[in-house]
Amino acid sequence: MGGEDEDEGEHDGDSGRGRRAILRPHPAAARDLLTRENPFTLCNRRLEAMGGVPIDW
């Protein structure tokens, strides 16, 4: 995995709604993991880019 978060893409689950996932390295790879953007901040930024409302984590 590179230095950027990878988007797994859209998936249709049992509910039929599209879902997205942000893939991250395992926490044991702390050097690679800790250099990345906070996943909650990243999620909110992507939600806003899709026209959604950010989550108040």
PDB file of N, CA and C in Angstrom:
ATOM      1  N   MET A   1       0.842  -1.166   0.000  1.00  0.00           N
ATOM      2  CA  MET A   1       0.000   0.000   0.000  1.00  0.00           C
ATOM      3  C   MET A   1       0.889   1.233   0.000  1.00  0.00           C
ATOM      4  N   GLY A   2       0.515   2.250  -0.732  1.00  0.00           N
ATOM      5  CA  GLY A   2       1.311   3.462  -0.828  1.00  0.00           C
ATOM      6  C   GLY A   2       1.050   4.412   0.319  1.00  0.00           C
ATOM      7  N   GLY A   3       1.424   5.659   0.145  1.00  0.00           N
ATOM      8  CA  GLY A   3       1.283   6.645   1.205  1.00  0.00           C
ATOM      9  C   GLY A   3      -0.077   7.301   1.255  1.00  0.00           C
ATOM     10  N   GLU A   4      -0.966   6.963   0.337  1.00  0.00           N
ATOM     11  CA  GLU A   4      -2.287   7.558   0.337  1.00  0.00           C
ATOM     12  C   GLU A   4      -3.325   6.504   0.677  1.00  0.00           C
ATOM     13  N   ASP A   5      -4.472   6.970   1.199  1.00  0.00           N
ATOM     14  CA  ASP A   5      -5.556   6.048   1.488  1.00  0.00           C
ATOM     15  C   ASP A   5      -6.149   5.576   0.182  1.00  0.00           C
ATOM     16  N   GLU A   6      -6.500   4.311   0.141  1.00  0.00           N
ATOM     17  CA  GLU A   6      -7.070   3.747  -1.067  1.00  0.00           C
ATOM     18  C   GLU A   6      -8.556   3.539  -0.856  1.00  0.00           C
ATOM     19  N   ASP A   7      -9.335   3.905  -1.841  1.00  0.00           N
ATOM     20  CA  ASP A   7     -10.777   3.754  -1.791  1.00  0.00           C
ATOM     21  C   ASP A   7     -11.122   2.426  -2.446  1.00  0.00           C
ATOM     22  N   GLU A   8     -11.782   1.565  -1.699  1.00  0.00           N
ATOM     23  CA  GLU A   8     -12.105   0.237  -2.198  1.00  0.00           C
ATOM     24  C   GLU A   8     -13.169   0.300  -3.282  1.00  0.00           C
ATOM     25  N   GLY A   9     -13.995   1.317  -3.276  1.00  0.00           N
ATOM     26  CA  GLY A   9     -15.041   1.447  -4.276  1.00  0.00           C
ATOM     27  C   GLY A   9     -16.419   1.235  -3.705  1.00  0.00           C
ATOM     28  N   GLU A  10     -17.408   1.278  -4.576  1.00  0.00           N
ATOM     29  CA  GLU A  10     -18.795   1.136  -4.139  1.00  0.00           C
ATOM     30  C   GLU A  10     -19.199  -0.331  -4.129  1.00  0.00           C
ATOM     31  N   HIS A  11     -19.991  -0.677  -3.152  1.00  0.00           N
ATOM     32  CA  HIS A  11     -20.484  -2.041  -3.025  1.00  0.00           C
ATOM     33  C   HIS A  11     -21.951  -1.997  -2.674  1.00  0.00           C
ATOM     34  N   ASP A  12     -22.718  -2.905  -3.236  1.00  0.00           N
ATOM     35  CA  ASP A  12     -24.118  -3.035  -2.867  1.00  0.00           C
ATOM     36  C   ASP A  12     -24.232  -4.145  -1.843  1.00  0.00           C
ATOM     37  N   GLY A  13     -24.673  -3.774  -0.657  1.00  0.00           N
ATOM     38  CA  GLY A  13     -24.861  -4.761   0.398  1.00  0.00           C
ATOM     39  C   GLY A  13     -26.284  -5.288   0.371  1.00  0.00           C
ATOM     40  N   ASP A  14     -26.694  -5.944   1.435  1.00  0.00           N
ATOM     41  CA  ASP A  14     -28.035  -6.495   1.520  1.00  0.00           C
ATOM     42  C   ASP A  14     -29.101  -5.407   1.436  1.00  0.00           C
ATOM     43  N   SER A  15     -28.755  -4.190   1.887  1.00  0.00           N
ATOM     44  CA  SER A  15     -29.728  -3.106   1.881  1.00  0.00           C
ATOM     45  C   SER A  15     -29.906  -2.505   0.493  1.00  0.00           C
ATOM     46  N   GLY A  16     -28.990  -2.818  -0.444  1.00  0.00           N
ATOM     47  CA  GLY A  16     -29.091  -2.276  -1.790  1.00  0.00           C
ATOM     48  C   GLY A  16     -28.518  -0.875  -1.932  1.00  0.00           C
ATOM     49  N   ARG A  17     -28.004  -0.309  -0.856  1.00  0.00           N
ATOM     50  CA  ARG A  17     -27.419   1.032  -0.906  1.00  0.00           C
ATOM     51  C   ARG A  17     -25.930   0.916  -1.177  1.00  0.00           C
ATOM     52  N   GLY A  18     -25.383   1.827  -2.010  1.00  0.00           N
ATOM     53  CA  GLY A  18     -23.952   1.828  -2.291  1.00  0.00           C
ATOM     54  C   GLY A  18     -23.159   2.153  -1.033  1.00  0.00           C
ATOM     55  N   ARG A  19     -22.029   1.529  -0.870  1.00  0.00           N
ATOM     56  CA  ARG A  19     -21.170   1.761   0.288  1.00  0.00           C
ATOM     57  C   ARG A  19     -19.754   1.985  -0.192  1.00  0.00           C
ATOM     58  N   ARG A  20     -18.985   2.732   0.565  1.00  0.00           N
ATOM     59  CA  ARG A  20     -17.593   2.977   0.230  1.00  0.00           C
ATOM     60  C   ARG A  20     -16.736   2.618   1.444  1.00  0.00           C
ATOM     61  N   ALA A  21     -15.517   2.217   1.190  1.00  0.00           N
ATOM     62  CA  ALA A  21     -14.608   1.851   2.266  1.00  0.00           C
ATOM     63  C   ALA A  21     -13.263   2.519   2.041  1.00  0.00           C
ATOM     64  N   ILE A  22     -12.623   2.908   3.111  1.00  0.00           N
ATOM     65  CA  ILE A  22     -11.278   3.466   3.058  1.00  0.00           C
ATOM     66  C   ILE A  22     -10.340   2.399   3.604  1.00  0.00           C
ATOM     67  N   LEU A  23      -9.422   1.944   2.761  1.00  0.00           N
ATOM     68  CA  LEU A  23      -8.494   0.895   3.169  1.00  0.00           C
ATOM     69  C   LEU A  23      -7.266   1.510   3.823  1.00  0.00           C
ATOM     70  N   ARG A  24      -6.824   0.918   4.903  1.00  0.00           N
ATOM     71  CA  ARG A  24      -5.673   1.386   5.654  1.00  0.00           C
ATOM     72  C   ARG A  24      -4.743   0.220   5.934  1.00  0.00           C
ATOM     73  N   PRO A  25      -3.446   0.501   6.133  1.00  0.00           N
ATOM     74  CA  PRO A  25      -2.537  -0.577   6.534  1.00  0.00           C
ATOM     75  C   PRO A  25      -2.867  -1.047   7.955  1.00  0.00           C
ATOM     76  N   HIS A  26      -2.424  -2.228   8.284  1.00  0.00           N
ATOM     77  CA  HIS A  26      -2.632  -2.773   9.627  1.00  0.00           C
ATOM     78  C   HIS A  26      -1.916  -1.883  10.644  1.00  0.00           C
ATOM     79  N   PRO A  27      -2.492  -1.685  11.833  1.00  0.00           N
ATOM     80  CA  PRO A  27      -1.854  -0.843  12.860  1.00  0.00           C
ATOM     81  C   PRO A  27      -0.433  -1.274  13.230  1.00  0.00           C
ATOM     82  N   ALA A  28      -0.072  -2.523  12.984  1.00  0.00           N
ATOM     83  CA  ALA A  28       1.290  -2.965  13.269  1.00  0.00           C
ATOM     84  C   ALA A  28       2.296  -2.229  12.383  1.00  0.00           C
ATOM     85  N   ALA A  29       1.823  -1.724  11.250  1.00  0.00           N
ATOM     86  CA  ALA A  29       2.667  -0.930  10.347  1.00  0.00           C
ATOM     87  C   ALA A  29       2.512   0.543  10.728  1.00  0.00           C
ATOM     88  N   ALA A  30       2.803   0.864  11.987  1.00  0.00           N
ATOM     89  CA  ALA A  30       2.530   2.190  12.547  1.00  0.00           C
ATOM     90  C   ALA A  30       3.178   3.320  11.760  1.00  0.00           C
ATOM     91  N   ARG A  31       4.371   3.145  11.278  1.00  0.00           N
ATOM     92  CA  ARG A  31       5.058   4.217  10.550  1.00  0.00           C
ATOM     93  C   ARG A  31       4.230   4.631   9.329  1.00  0.00           C
ATOM     94  N   ASP A  32       3.698   3.657   8.616  1.00  0.00           N
ATOM     95  CA  ASP A  32       2.887   3.946   7.435  1.00  0.00           C
ATOM     96  C   ASP A  32       1.510   4.477   7.835  1.00  0.00           C
ATOM     97  N   LEU A  33       0.928   3.916   8.870  1.00  0.00           N
ATOM     98  CA  LEU A  33      -0.416   4.289   9.305  1.00  0.00           C
ATOM     99  C   LEU A  33      -0.465   5.698   9.895  1.00  0.00           C
ATOM    100  N   LEU A  34       0.485   6.031  10.749  1.00  0.00           N
ATOM    101  CA  LEU A  34       0.439   7.311  11.462  1.00  0.00           C
ATOM    102  C   LEU A  34       0.779   8.519  10.593  1.00  0.00           C
ATOM    103  N   THR A  35       1.295   8.302   9.397  1.00  0.00           N
ATOM    104  CA  THR A  35       1.592   9.424   8.506  1.00  0.00           C
ATOM    105  C   THR A  35       0.369   9.819   7.677  1.00  0.00           C
ATOM    106  N   ARG A  36      -0.714   9.107   7.821  1.00  0.00           N
ATOM    107  CA  ARG A  36      -1.920   9.368   7.037  1.00  0.00           C
ATOM    108  C   ARG A  36      -2.892  10.275   7.768  1.00  0.00           C
ATOM    109  N   GLU A  37      -3.809  10.856   6.983  1.00  0.00           N
ATOM    110  CA  GLU A  37      -4.832  11.732   7.542  1.00  0.00           C
ATOM    111  C   GLU A  37      -5.717  10.959   8.515  1.00  0.00           C
ATOM    112  N   ASN A  38      -6.198  11.647   9.543  1.00  0.00           N
ATOM    113  CA  ASN A  38      -7.130  11.070  10.496  1.00  0.00           C
ATOM    114  C   ASN A  38      -8.313  10.487   9.712  1.00  0.00           C
ATOM    115  N   PRO A  39      -8.684   9.209   9.949  1.00  0.00           N
ATOM    116  CA  PRO A  39      -9.748   8.596   9.151  1.00  0.00           C
ATOM    117  C   PRO A  39     -11.112   9.266   9.317  1.00  0.00           C
ATOM    118  N   PHE A  40     -11.381   9.857  10.482  1.00  0.00           N
ATOM    119  CA  PHE A  40     -12.657  10.538  10.687  1.00  0.00           C
ATOM    120  C   PHE A  40     -12.709  11.835   9.877  1.00  0.00           C
ATOM    121  N   THR A  41     -11.599  12.554   9.848  1.00  0.00           N
ATOM    122  CA  THR A  41     -11.507  13.762   9.040  1.00  0.00           C
ATOM    123  C   THR A  41     -11.622  13.420   7.562  1.00  0.00           C
ATOM    124  N   LEU A  42     -10.932  12.375   7.149  1.00  0.00           N
ATOM    125  CA  LEU A  42     -10.980  11.932   5.761  1.00  0.00           C
ATOM    126  C   LEU A  42     -12.404  11.546   5.361  1.00  0.00           C
ATOM    127  N   CYS A  43     -13.084  10.815   6.220  1.00  0.00           N
ATOM    128  CA  CYS A  43     -14.459  10.405   5.946  1.00  0.00           C
ATOM    129  C   CYS A  43     -15.358  11.629   5.763  1.00  0.00           C
ATOM    130  N   ASN A  44     -15.257  12.597   6.665  1.00  0.00           N
ATOM    131  CA  ASN A  44     -16.090  13.792   6.560  1.00  0.00           C
ATOM    132  C   ASN A  44     -15.774  14.584   5.304  1.00  0.00           C
ATOM    133  N   ARG A  45     -14.501  14.676   4.936  1.00  0.00           N
ATOM    134  CA  ARG A  45     -14.127  15.399   3.728  1.00  0.00           C
ATOM    135  C   ARG A  45     -14.739  14.723   2.499  1.00  0.00           C
ATOM    136  N   ARG A  46     -14.705  13.398   2.470  1.00  0.00           N
ATOM    137  CA  ARG A  46     -15.281  12.667   1.329  1.00  0.00           C
ATOM    138  C   ARG A  46     -16.800  12.752   1.317  1.00  0.00           C
ATOM    139  N   LEU A  47     -17.427  12.727   2.492  1.00  0.00           N
ATOM    140  CA  LEU A  47     -18.878  12.893   2.554  1.00  0.00           C
ATOM    141  C   LEU A  47     -19.290  14.248   1.981  1.00  0.00           C
ATOM    142  N   GLU A  48     -18.577  15.308   2.377  1.00  0.00           N
ATOM    143  CA  GLU A  48     -18.880  16.641   1.868  1.00  0.00           C
ATOM    144  C   GLU A  48     -18.679  16.717   0.358  1.00  0.00           C
ATOM    145  N   ALA A  49     -17.634  16.075  -0.147  1.00  0.00           N
ATOM    146  CA  ALA A  49     -17.370  16.086  -1.588  1.00  0.00           C
ATOM    147  C   ALA A  49     -18.489  15.386  -2.367  1.00  0.00           C
ATOM    148  N   MET A  50     -19.162  14.427  -1.721  1.00  0.00           N
ATOM    149  CA  MET A  50     -20.265  13.722  -2.365  1.00  0.00           C
ATOM    150  C   MET A  50     -21.602  14.417  -2.123  1.00  0.00           C
ATOM    151  N   GLY A  51     -21.563  15.592  -1.459  1.00  0.00           N
ATOM    152  CA  GLY A  51     -22.794  16.338  -1.192  1.00  0.00           C
ATOM    153  C   GLY A  51     -23.482  15.928   0.088  1.00  0.00           C
ATOM    154  N   GLY A  52     -22.802  15.143   0.916  1.00  0.00           N
ATOM    155  CA  GLY A  52     -23.382  14.677   2.170  1.00  0.00           C
ATOM    156  C   GLY A  52     -23.089  15.622   3.321  1.00  0.00           C
ATOM    157  N   VAL A  53     -23.671  15.318   4.433  1.00  0.00           N
ATOM    158  CA  VAL A  53     -23.481  16.099   5.661  1.00  0.00           C
ATOM    159  C   VAL A  53     -22.406  15.400   6.504  1.00  0.00           C
ATOM    160  N   PRO A  54     -21.397  16.156   6.966  1.00  0.00           N
ATOM    161  CA  PRO A  54     -20.350  15.546   7.800  1.00  0.00           C
ATOM    162  C   PRO A  54     -20.944  14.967   9.095  1.00  0.00           C
ATOM    163  N   ILE A  55     -20.275  13.947   9.604  1.00  0.00           N
ATOM    164  CA  ILE A  55     -20.690  13.304  10.848  1.00  0.00           C
ATOM    165  C   ILE A  55     -19.999  14.006  12.008  1.00  0.00           C
ATOM    166  N   ASP A  56     -20.737  14.278  13.074  1.00  0.00           N
ATOM    167  CA  ASP A  56     -20.165  14.886  14.280  1.00  0.00           C
ATOM    168  C   ASP A  56     -19.640  13.751  15.157  1.00  0.00           C
ATOM    169  N   TRP A  57     -18.411  13.292  14.864  1.00  0.00           N
ATOM    170  CA  TRP A  57     -17.834  12.170  15.578  1.00  0.00           C
ATOM    171  C   TRP A  57     -17.700  12.508  17.028  1.00  0.00           C
TER     172      TRP A  57
END
